[in-house]
Amino acid sequence: MQFMVRIVVRLPGDWPKEKVDELAARETARGMQCIRDGKLKRIFRIVGQRANFSVWEADSPEDLHATLLSLPMHPFFEIEVTPIIEHSTTQAWNAAHGAMPPF
């Protein structure tokens, strides 16, 4: 199953830069592991916000939930999850031309 996830990060404003940087480094490392594991398919920064849209692959909503809980910044997330399926235009393109071009 694929899911579109919107994450807004709300870190405490009084944290020192070193603490924010350390947490961000752990978050990046965990995100890269999720990519290697085939769970995180794409991630996009939302301009002007500490937020992102991402596409995740999971066996079930429960599997996605467990993966999101494993992210170090999870306690500071506001999360919206939307299950997604392939669009008919993508299917038509793939049938006529093969796989869609990469981003």
PDB file of N, CA and C in Angstrom:
ATOM      1  N   MET A   1       0.842  -1.179   0.000  1.00  0.00           N
ATOM      2  CA  MET A   1       0.000   0.000   0.000  1.00  0.00           C
ATOM      3  C   MET A   1       0.887   1.241   0.000  1.00  0.00           C
ATOM      4  N   GLN A   2       0.432   2.268  -0.700  1.00  0.00           N
ATOM      5  CA  GLN A   2       1.153   3.533  -0.669  1.00  0.00           C
ATOM      6  C   GLN A   2       0.333   4.586   0.061  1.00  0.00           C
ATOM      7  N   PHE A   3       1.061   5.491   0.706  1.00  0.00           N
ATOM      8  CA  PHE A   3       0.435   6.544   1.501  1.00  0.00           C
ATOM      9  C   PHE A   3       1.136   7.870   1.221  1.00  0.00           C
ATOM     10  N   MET A   4       0.339   8.930   1.055  1.00  0.00           N
ATOM     11  CA  MET A   4       0.877  10.289   1.012  1.00  0.00           C
ATOM     12  C   MET A   4       0.795  10.794   2.447  1.00  0.00           C
ATOM     13  N   VAL A   5       1.928  11.277   2.952  1.00  0.00           N
ATOM     14  CA  VAL A   5       1.993  11.723   4.343  1.00  0.00           C
ATOM     15  C   VAL A   5       2.447  13.178   4.360  1.00  0.00           C
ATOM     16  N   ARG A   6       1.712  13.998   5.084  1.00  0.00           N
ATOM     17  CA  ARG A   6       2.121  15.388   5.322  1.00  0.00           C
ATOM     18  C   ARG A   6       2.557  15.477   6.769  1.00  0.00           C
ATOM     19  N   ILE A   7       3.780  15.946   6.969  1.00  0.00           N
ATOM     20  CA  ILE A   7       4.330  16.074   8.313  1.00  0.00           C
ATOM     21  C   ILE A   7       4.710  17.530   8.551  1.00  0.00           C
ATOM     22  N   VAL A   8       4.192  18.086   9.634  1.00  0.00           N
ATOM     23  CA  VAL A   8       4.599  19.408  10.102  1.00  0.00           C
ATOM     24  C   VAL A   8       5.366  19.180  11.400  1.00  0.00           C
ATOM     25  N   VAL A   9       6.559  19.770  11.484  1.00  0.00           N
ATOM     26  CA  VAL A   9       7.416  19.596  12.654  1.00  0.00           C
ATOM     27  C   VAL A   9       7.298  20.842  13.527  1.00  0.00           C
ATOM     28  N   ARG A  10       7.012  20.628  14.812  1.00  0.00           N
ATOM     29  CA  ARG A  10       6.894  21.728  15.768  1.00  0.00           C
ATOM     30  C   ARG A  10       7.850  21.474  16.936  1.00  0.00           C
ATOM     31  N   LEU A  11       9.104  21.885  16.747  1.00  0.00           N
ATOM     32  CA  LEU A  11      10.102  21.726  17.801  1.00  0.00           C
ATOM     33  C   LEU A  11       9.951  22.857  18.822  1.00  0.00           C
ATOM     34  N   PRO A  12      10.309  22.584  20.069  1.00  0.00           N
ATOM     35  CA  PRO A  12      10.281  23.666  21.065  1.00  0.00           C
ATOM     36  C   PRO A  12      11.184  24.825  20.629  1.00  0.00           C
ATOM     37  N   GLY A  13      10.693  26.036  20.751  1.00  0.00           N
ATOM     38  CA  GLY A  13      11.430  27.209  20.289  1.00  0.00           C
ATOM     39  C   GLY A  13      12.626  27.579  21.135  1.00  0.00           C
ATOM     40  N   ASP A  14      12.707  27.019  22.337  1.00  0.00           N
ATOM     41  CA  ASP A  14      13.800  27.405  23.226  1.00  0.00           C
ATOM     42  C   ASP A  14      14.970  26.425  23.196  1.00  0.00           C
ATOM     43  N   TRP A  15      14.951  25.470  22.290  1.00  0.00           N
ATOM     44  CA  TRP A  15      16.046  24.507  22.214  1.00  0.00           C
ATOM     45  C   TRP A  15      17.293  25.162  21.650  1.00  0.00           C
ATOM     46  N   PRO A  16      18.473  24.801  22.188  1.00  0.00           N
ATOM     47  CA  PRO A  16      19.710  25.307  21.590  1.00  0.00           C
ATOM     48  C   PRO A  16      19.937  24.674  20.209  1.00  0.00           C
ATOM     49  N   LYS A  17      20.653  25.402  19.361  1.00  0.00           N
ATOM     50  CA  LYS A  17      20.917  24.937  17.996  1.00  0.00           C
ATOM     51  C   LYS A  17      21.559  23.555  17.985  1.00  0.00           C
ATOM     52  N   GLU A  18      22.443  23.281  18.922  1.00  0.00           N
ATOM     53  CA  GLU A  18      23.138  21.990  18.970  1.00  0.00           C
ATOM     54  C   GLU A  18      22.150  20.838  19.166  1.00  0.00           C
ATOM     55  N   LYS A  19      21.146  21.050  20.006  1.00  0.00           N
ATOM     56  CA  LYS A  19      20.144  20.005  20.248  1.00  0.00           C
ATOM     57  C   LYS A  19      19.295  19.778  19.003  1.00  0.00           C
ATOM     58  N   VAL A  20      18.905  20.861  18.345  1.00  0.00           N
ATOM     59  CA  VAL A  20      18.122  20.754  17.107  1.00  0.00           C
ATOM     60  C   VAL A  20      18.945  20.039  16.036  1.00  0.00           C
ATOM     61  N   ASP A  21      20.219  20.416  15.906  1.00  0.00           N
ATOM     62  CA  ASP A  21      21.085  19.803  14.895  1.00  0.00           C
ATOM     63  C   ASP A  21      21.274  18.310  15.149  1.00  0.00           C
ATOM     64  N   GLU A  22      21.440  17.919  16.415  1.00  0.00           N
ATOM     65  CA  GLU A  22      21.627  16.502  16.757  1.00  0.00           C
ATOM     66  C   GLU A  22      20.373  15.702  16.429  1.00  0.00           C
ATOM     67  N   LEU A  23      19.212  16.238  16.770  1.00  0.00           N
ATOM     68  CA  LEU A  23      17.955  15.547  16.470  1.00  0.00           C
ATOM     69  C   LEU A  23      17.752  15.463  14.955  1.00  0.00           C
ATOM     70  N   ALA A  24      18.060  16.539  14.237  1.00  0.00           N
ATOM     71  CA  ALA A  24      17.916  16.538  12.773  1.00  0.00           C
ATOM     72  C   ALA A  24      18.837  15.504  12.142  1.00  0.00           C
ATOM     73  N   ALA A  25      20.042  15.352  12.665  1.00  0.00           N
ATOM     74  CA  ALA A  25      20.975  14.347  12.125  1.00  0.00           C
ATOM     75  C   ALA A  25      20.433  12.936  12.350  1.00  0.00           C
ATOM     76  N   ARG A  26      19.862  12.678  13.532  1.00  0.00           N
ATOM     77  CA  ARG A  26      19.276  11.355  13.787  1.00  0.00           C
ATOM     78  C   ARG A  26      18.061  11.119  12.896  1.00  0.00           C
ATOM     79  N   GLU A  27      17.260  12.151  12.667  1.00  0.00           N
ATOM     80  CA  GLU A  27      16.085  12.044  11.796  1.00  0.00           C
ATOM     81  C   GLU A  27      16.516  11.719  10.362  1.00  0.00           C
ATOM     82  N   THR A  28      17.547  12.414   9.877  1.00  0.00           N
ATOM     83  CA  THR A  28      18.047  12.159   8.525  1.00  0.00           C
ATOM     84  C   THR A  28      18.564  10.734   8.396  1.00  0.00           C
ATOM     85  N   ALA A  29      19.324  10.282   9.383  1.00  0.00           N
ATOM     86  CA  ALA A  29      19.859   8.918   9.338  1.00  0.00           C
ATOM     87  C   ALA A  29      18.724   7.896   9.307  1.00  0.00           C
ATOM     88  N   ARG A  30      17.702   8.100  10.117  1.00  0.00           N
ATOM     89  CA  ARG A  30      16.569   7.164  10.128  1.00  0.00           C
ATOM     90  C   ARG A  30      15.808   7.233   8.807  1.00  0.00           C
ATOM     91  N   GLY A  31      15.624   8.429   8.263  1.00  0.00           N
ATOM     92  CA  GLY A  31      14.963   8.571   6.970  1.00  0.00           C
ATOM     93  C   GLY A  31      15.710   7.846   5.868  1.00  0.00           C
ATOM     94  N   MET A  32      17.035   7.948   5.886  1.00  0.00           N
ATOM     95  CA  MET A  32      17.836   7.249   4.879  1.00  0.00           C
ATOM     96  C   MET A  32      17.704   5.738   5.027  1.00  0.00           C
ATOM     97  N   GLN A  33      17.591   5.254   6.258  1.00  0.00           N
ATOM     98  CA  GLN A  33      17.368   3.821   6.461  1.00  0.00           C
ATOM     99  C   GLN A  33      15.991   3.414   5.919  1.00  0.00           C
ATOM    100  N   CYS A  34      15.003   4.251   6.102  1.00  0.00           N
ATOM    101  CA  CYS A  34      13.665   3.962   5.561  1.00  0.00           C
ATOM    102  C   CYS A  34      13.694   3.902   4.035  1.00  0.00           C
ATOM    103  N   ILE A  35      14.514   4.764   3.408  1.00  0.00           N
ATOM    104  CA  ILE A  35      14.676   4.700   1.949  1.00  0.00           C
ATOM    105  C   ILE A  35      15.323   3.376   1.565  1.00  0.00           C
ATOM    106  N   ARG A  36      16.413   3.009   2.244  1.00  0.00           N
ATOM    107  CA  ARG A  36      17.094   1.738   1.948  1.00  0.00           C
ATOM    108  C   ARG A  36      16.156   0.552   2.132  1.00  0.00           C
ATOM    109  N   ASP A  37      15.271   0.629   3.120  1.00  0.00           N
ATOM    110  CA  ASP A  37      14.330  -0.457   3.397  1.00  0.00           C
ATOM    111  C   ASP A  37      13.144  -0.480   2.435  1.00  0.00           C
ATOM    112  N   GLY A  38      13.059   0.504   1.536  1.00  0.00           N
ATOM    113  CA  GLY A  38      11.962   0.560   0.567  1.00  0.00           C
ATOM    114  C   GLY A  38      10.674   1.119   1.131  1.00  0.00           C
ATOM    115  N   LYS A  39      10.737   1.734   2.293  1.00  0.00           N
ATOM    116  CA  LYS A  39       9.525   2.274   2.920  1.00  0.00           C
ATOM    117  C   LYS A  39       9.257   3.722   2.513  1.00  0.00           C
ATOM    118  N   LEU A  40      10.276   4.546   2.512  1.00  0.00           N
ATOM    119  CA  LEU A  40      10.147   5.948   2.113  1.00  0.00           C
ATOM    120  C   LEU A  40      10.513   6.052   0.635  1.00  0.00           C
ATOM    121  N   LYS A  41       9.519   6.376  -0.190  1.00  0.00           N
ATOM    122  CA  LYS A  41       9.716   6.396  -1.645  1.00  0.00           C
ATOM    123  C   LYS A  41      10.143   7.763  -2.164  1.00  0.00           C
ATOM    124  N   ARG A  42       9.583   8.825  -1.631  1.00  0.00           N
ATOM    125  CA  ARG A  42       9.906  10.194  -2.039  1.00  0.00           C
ATOM    126  C   ARG A  42       9.595  11.115  -0.857  1.00  0.00           C
ATOM    127  N   ILE A  43      10.367  12.208  -0.780  1.00  0.00           N
ATOM    128  CA  ILE A  43      10.089  13.218   0.246  1.00  0.00           C
ATOM    129  C   ILE A  43      10.376  14.588  -0.345  1.00  0.00           C
ATOM    130  N   PHE A  44       9.483  15.540  -0.066  1.00  0.00           N
ATOM    131  CA  PHE A  44       9.553  16.886  -0.616  1.00  0.00           C
ATOM    132  C   PHE A  44       9.361  17.900   0.505  1.00  0.00           C
ATOM    133  N   ARG A  45      10.238  18.882   0.578  1.00  0.00           N
ATOM    134  CA  ARG A  45      10.099  19.976   1.527  1.00  0.00           C
ATOM    135  C   ARG A  45       8.950  20.875   1.081  1.00  0.00           C
ATOM    136  N   ILE A  46       8.161  21.386   2.018  1.00  0.00           N
ATOM    137  CA  ILE A  46       7.140  22.389   1.725  1.00  0.00           C
ATOM    138  C   ILE A  46       7.791  23.745   1.927  1.00  0.00           C
ATOM    139  N   VAL A  47       7.822  24.551   0.882  1.00  0.00           N
ATOM    140  CA  VAL A  47       8.539  25.817   0.888  1.00  0.00           C
ATOM    141  C   VAL A  47       8.057  26.710   2.031  1.00  0.00           C
ATOM    142  N   GLY A  48       9.028  27.250   2.769  1.00  0.00           N
ATOM    143  CA  GLY A  48       8.738  28.212   3.819  1.00  0.00           C
ATOM    144  C   GLY A  48       8.240  27.612   5.121  1.00  0.00           C
ATOM    145  N   GLN A  49       8.244  26.288   5.226  1.00  0.00           N
ATOM    146  CA  GLN A  49       7.736  25.635   6.431  1.00  0.00           C
ATOM    147  C   GLN A  49       8.722  24.568   6.888  1.00  0.00           C
ATOM    148  N   ARG A  50       8.657  24.235   8.144  1.00  0.00           N
ATOM    149  CA  ARG A  50       9.368  23.039   8.623  1.00  0.00           C
ATOM    150  C   ARG A  50       8.366  21.897   8.478  1.00  0.00           C
ATOM    151  N   ALA A  51       8.191  21.463   7.229  1.00  0.00           N
ATOM    152  CA  ALA A  51       7.160  20.481   6.896  1.00  0.00           C
ATOM    153  C   ALA A  51       7.541  19.782   5.602  1.00  0.00           C
ATOM    154  N   ASN A  52       6.903  18.627   5.357  1.00  0.00           N
ATOM    155  CA  ASN A  52       7.167  17.898   4.124  1.00  0.00           C
ATOM    156  C   ASN A  52       5.955  17.090   3.704  1.00  0.00           C
ATOM    157  N   PHE A  53       5.942  16.757   2.418  1.00  0.00           N
ATOM    158  CA  PHE A  53       5.065  15.737   1.862  1.00  0.00           C
ATOM    159  C   PHE A  53       5.960  14.571   1.509  1.00  0.00           C
ATOM    160  N   SER A  54       5.499  13.365   1.774  1.00  0.00           N
ATOM    161  CA  SER A  54       6.293  12.190   1.449  1.00  0.00           C
ATOM    162  C   SER A  54       5.378  11.062   0.994  1.00  0.00           C
ATOM    163  N   VAL A  55       5.952  10.139   0.232  1.00  0.00           N
ATOM    164  CA  VAL A  55       5.233   8.954  -0.218  1.00  0.00           C
ATOM    165  C   VAL A  55       5.905   7.756   0.437  1.00  0.00           C
ATOM    166  N   TRP A  56       5.090   6.964   1.120  1.00  0.00           N
ATOM    167  CA  TRP A  56       5.567   5.803   1.875  1.00  0.00           C
ATOM    168  C   TRP A  56       4.933   4.534   1.342  1.00  0.00           C
ATOM    169  N   GLU A  57       5.653   3.440   1.436  1.00  0.00           N
ATOM    170  CA  GLU A  57       5.159   2.100   1.099  1.00  0.00           C
ATOM    171  C   GLU A  57       5.088   1.320   2.407  1.00  0.00           C
ATOM    172  N   ALA A  58       3.950   0.675   2.648  1.00  0.00           N
ATOM    173  CA  ALA A  58       3.794  -0.116   3.872  1.00  0.00           C
ATOM    174  C   ALA A  58       2.836  -1.264   3.595  1.00  0.00           C
ATOM    175  N   ASP A  59       2.986  -2.341   4.344  1.00  0.00           N
ATOM    176  CA  ASP A  59       2.099  -3.495   4.183  1.00  0.00           C
ATOM    177  C   ASP A  59       0.687  -3.213   4.679  1.00  0.00           C
ATOM    178  N   SER A  60       0.580  -2.273   5.618  1.00  0.00           N
ATOM    179  CA  SER A  60      -0.718  -1.976   6.226  1.00  0.00           C
ATOM    180  C   SER A  60      -0.625  -0.609   6.903  1.00  0.00           C
ATOM    181  N   PRO A  61      -1.767  -0.033   7.266  1.00  0.00           N
ATOM    182  CA  PRO A  61      -1.717   1.207   8.052  1.00  0.00           C
ATOM    183  C   PRO A  61      -0.944   1.021   9.365  1.00  0.00           C
ATOM    184  N   GLU A  62      -1.066  -0.146   9.957  1.00  0.00           N
ATOM    185  CA  GLU A  62      -0.348  -0.415  11.205  1.00  0.00           C
ATOM    186  C   GLU A  62       1.168  -0.411  10.981  1.00  0.00           C
ATOM    187  N   ASP A  63       1.599  -0.962   9.846  1.00  0.00           N
ATOM    188  CA  ASP A  63       3.021  -0.972   9.504  1.00  0.00           C
ATOM    189  C   ASP A  63       3.526   0.455   9.307  1.00  0.00           C
ATOM    190  N   LEU A  64       2.768   1.277   8.599  1.00  0.00           N
ATOM    191  CA  LEU A  64       3.151   2.672   8.422  1.00  0.00           C
ATOM    192  C   LEU A  64       3.218   3.379   9.773  1.00  0.00           C
ATOM    193  N   HIS A  65       2.236   3.135  10.612  1.00  0.00           N
ATOM    194  CA  HIS A  65       2.200   3.754  11.947  1.00  0.00           C
ATOM    195  C   HIS A  65       3.475   3.424  12.723  1.00  0.00           C
ATOM    196  N   ALA A  66       3.870   2.165  12.709  1.00  0.00           N
ATOM    197  CA  ALA A  66       5.076   1.754  13.429  1.00  0.00           C
ATOM    198  C   ALA A  66       6.316   2.438  12.844  1.00  0.00           C
ATOM    199  N   THR A  67       6.375   2.557  11.535  1.00  0.00           N
ATOM    200  CA  THR A  67       7.517   3.208  10.911  1.00  0.00           C
ATOM    201  C   THR A  67       7.573   4.686  11.287  1.00  0.00           C
ATOM    202  N   LEU A  68       6.434   5.364  11.228  1.00  0.00           N
ATOM    203  CA  LEU A  68       6.416   6.781  11.590  1.00  0.00           C
ATOM    204  C   LEU A  68       6.785   6.988  13.059  1.00  0.00           C
ATOM    205  N   LEU A  69       6.346   6.068  13.914  1.00  0.00           N
ATOM    206  CA  LEU A  69       6.704   6.158  15.332  1.00  0.00           C
ATOM    207  C   LEU A  69       8.204   5.999  15.553  1.00  0.00           C
ATOM    208  N   SER A  70       8.888   5.333  14.629  1.00  0.00           N
ATOM    209  CA  SER A  70      10.325   5.088  14.775  1.00  0.00           C
ATOM    210  C   SER A  70      11.178   6.308  14.426  1.00  0.00           C
ATOM    211  N   LEU A  71      10.574   7.332  13.859  1.00  0.00           N
ATOM    212  CA  LEU A  71      11.326   8.525  13.492  1.00  0.00           C
ATOM    213  C   LEU A  71      11.641   9.345  14.743  1.00  0.00           C
ATOM    214  N   PRO A  72      12.891   9.767  14.929  1.00  0.00           N
ATOM    215  CA  PRO A  72      13.274  10.467  16.149  1.00  0.00           C
ATOM    216  C   PRO A  72      12.471  11.735  16.438  1.00  0.00           C
ATOM    217  N   MET A  73      12.016  12.436  15.409  1.00  0.00           N
ATOM    218  CA  MET A  73      11.245  13.661  15.633  1.00  0.00           C
ATOM    219  C   MET A  73       9.754  13.410  15.836  1.00  0.00           C
ATOM    220  N   HIS A  74       9.337  12.149  15.802  1.00  0.00           N
ATOM    221  CA  HIS A  74       7.909  11.840  15.877  1.00  0.00           C
ATOM    222  C   HIS A  74       7.166  12.566  16.998  1.00  0.00           C
ATOM    223  N   PRO A  75       7.734  12.701  18.190  1.00  0.00           N
ATOM    224  CA  PRO A  75       6.987  13.394  19.243  1.00  0.00           C
ATOM    225  C   PRO A  75       6.629  14.848  18.897  1.00  0.00           C
ATOM    226  N   PHE A  76       7.279  15.405  17.890  1.00  0.00           N
ATOM    227  CA  PHE A  76       7.059  16.807  17.526  1.00  0.00           C
ATOM    228  C   PHE A  76       6.337  16.952  16.187  1.00  0.00           C
ATOM    229  N   PHE A  77       5.748  15.869  15.694  1.00  0.00           N
ATOM    230  CA  PHE A  77       5.062  15.862  14.402  1.00  0.00           C
ATOM    231  C   PHE A  77       3.567  16.102  14.555  1.00  0.00           C
ATOM    232  N   GLU A  78       3.020  16.818  13.585  1.00  0.00           N
ATOM    233  CA  GLU A  78       1.587  16.776  13.271  1.00  0.00           C
ATOM    234  C   GLU A  78       1.534  16.032  11.939  1.00  0.00           C
ATOM    235  N   ILE A  79       0.779  14.936  11.866  1.00  0.00           N
ATOM    236  CA  ILE A  79       0.811  14.055  10.698  1.00  0.00           C
ATOM    237  C   ILE A  79      -0.585  13.909  10.102  1.00  0.00           C
ATOM    238  N   GLU A  80      -0.660  13.989   8.783  1.00  0.00           N
ATOM    239  CA  GLU A  80      -1.863  13.649   8.020  1.00  0.00           C
ATOM    240  C   GLU A  80      -1.485  12.535   7.058  1.00  0.00           C
ATOM    241  N   VAL A  81      -2.246  11.451   7.051  1.00  0.00           N
ATOM    242  CA  VAL A  81      -1.972  10.304   6.191  1.00  0.00           C
ATOM    243  C   VAL A  81      -3.145  10.093   5.241  1.00  0.00           C
ATOM    244  N   THR A  82      -2.832   9.912   3.949  1.00  0.00           N
ATOM    245  CA  THR A  82      -3.846   9.639   2.939  1.00  0.00           C
ATOM    246  C   THR A  82      -3.414   8.424   2.136  1.00  0.00           C
ATOM    247  N   PRO A  83      -4.200   7.330   2.151  1.00  0.00           N
ATOM    248  CA  PRO A  83      -3.883   6.201   1.267  1.00  0.00           C
ATOM    249  C   PRO A  83      -4.011   6.661  -0.185  1.00  0.00           C
ATOM    250  N   ILE A  84      -3.092   6.213  -1.042  1.00  0.00           N
ATOM    251  CA  ILE A  84      -3.131   6.594  -2.458  1.00  0.00           C
ATOM    252  C   ILE A  84      -3.015   5.354  -3.338  1.00  0.00           C
ATOM    253  N   ILE A  85      -3.533   5.483  -4.550  1.00  0.00           N
ATOM    254  CA  ILE A  85      -3.416   4.422  -5.550  1.00  0.00           C
ATOM    255  C   ILE A  85      -2.930   5.055  -6.858  1.00  0.00           C
ATOM    256  N   GLU A  86      -2.467   4.216  -7.750  1.00  0.00           N
ATOM    257  CA  GLU A  86      -1.959   4.706  -9.021  1.00  0.00           C
ATOM    258  C   GLU A  86      -3.088   5.345  -9.833  1.00  0.00           C
ATOM    259  N   HIS A  87      -2.775   6.454 -10.484  1.00  0.00           N
ATOM    260  CA  HIS A  87      -3.743   7.186 -11.307  1.00  0.00           C
ATOM    261  C   HIS A  87      -3.846   6.533 -12.682  1.00  0.00           C
ATOM    262  N   SER A  88      -5.012   6.633 -13.304  1.00  0.00           N
ATOM    263  CA  SER A  88      -5.223   6.031 -14.622  1.00  0.00           C
ATOM    264  C   SER A  88      -4.303   6.633 -15.691  1.00  0.00           C
ATOM    265  N   THR A  89      -3.918   7.888 -15.565  1.00  0.00           N
ATOM    266  CA  THR A  89      -2.991   8.491 -16.517  1.00  0.00           C
ATOM    267  C   THR A  89      -1.626   7.822 -16.425  1.00  0.00           C
ATOM    268  N   THR A  90      -1.189   7.508 -15.208  1.00  0.00           N
ATOM    269  CA  THR A  90       0.079   6.789 -15.034  1.00  0.00           C
ATOM    270  C   THR A  90      -0.011   5.420 -15.684  1.00  0.00           C
ATOM    271  N   GLN A  91      -1.117   4.729 -15.479  1.00  0.00           N
ATOM    272  CA  GLN A  91      -1.304   3.413 -16.087  1.00  0.00           C
ATOM    273  C   GLN A  91      -1.270   3.519 -17.607  1.00  0.00           C
ATOM    274  N   ALA A  92      -1.922   4.538 -18.178  1.00  0.00           N
ATOM    275  CA  ALA A  92      -1.941   4.720 -19.636  1.00  0.00           C
ATOM    276  C   ALA A  92      -0.537   5.033 -20.154  1.00  0.00           C
ATOM    277  N   TRP A  93       0.186   5.895 -19.456  1.00  0.00           N
ATOM    278  CA  TRP A  93       1.556   6.216 -19.860  1.00  0.00           C
ATOM    279  C   TRP A  93       2.418   4.961 -19.864  1.00  0.00           C
ATOM    280  N   ASN A  94       2.351   4.206 -18.764  1.00  0.00           N
ATOM    281  CA  ASN A  94       3.162   2.991 -18.647  1.00  0.00           C
ATOM    282  C   ASN A  94       2.850   1.999 -19.765  1.00  0.00           C
ATOM    283  N   ALA A  95       1.575   1.877 -20.103  1.00  0.00           N
ATOM    284  CA  ALA A  95       1.185   0.958 -21.170  1.00  0.00           C
ATOM    285  C   ALA A  95       1.715   1.429 -22.528  1.00  0.00           C
ATOM    286  N   ALA A  96       1.710   2.730 -22.754  1.00  0.00           N
ATOM    287  CA  ALA A  96       2.122   3.260 -24.057  1.00  0.00           C
ATOM    288  C   ALA A  96       3.635   3.472 -24.173  1.00  0.00           C
ATOM    289  N   HIS A  97       4.293   3.803 -23.040  1.00  0.00           N
ATOM    290  CA  HIS A  97       5.686   4.260 -23.118  1.00  0.00           C
ATOM    291  C   HIS A  97       6.633   3.550 -22.166  1.00  0.00           C
ATOM    292  N   GLY A  98       6.151   2.681 -21.332  1.00  0.00           N
ATOM    293  CA  GLY A  98       6.991   2.108 -20.279  1.00  0.00           C
ATOM    294  C   GLY A  98       6.945   2.987 -19.040  1.00  0.00           C
ATOM    295  N   ALA A  99       7.851   2.742 -18.138  1.00  0.00           N
ATOM    296  CA  ALA A  99       7.845   3.456 -16.861  1.00  0.00           C
ATOM    297  C   ALA A  99       7.940   4.966 -17.062  1.00  0.00           C
ATOM    298  N   MET A 100       7.225   5.691 -16.197  1.00  0.00           N
ATOM    299  CA  MET A 100       7.284   7.149 -16.246  1.00  0.00           C
ATOM    300  C   MET A 100       8.709   7.613 -15.968  1.00  0.00           C
ATOM    301  N   PRO A 101       9.096   8.755 -16.546  1.00  0.00           N
ATOM    302  CA  PRO A 101      10.440   9.286 -16.304  1.00  0.00           C
ATOM    303  C   PRO A 101      10.628   9.590 -14.806  1.00  0.00           C
ATOM    304  N   PRO A 102      11.843   9.467 -14.310  1.00  0.00           N
ATOM    305  CA  PRO A 102      12.086   9.813 -12.906  1.00  0.00           C
ATOM    306  C   PRO A 102      11.969  11.305 -12.683  1.00  0.00           C
ATOM    307  N   PHE A 103      11.826  11.691 -11.440  1.00  0.00           N
ATOM    308  CA  PHE A 103      11.763  13.125 -11.099  1.00  0.00           C
ATOM    309  C   PHE A 103      13.059  13.795 -11.482  1.00  0.00           C
TER     310      PHE A 103
END
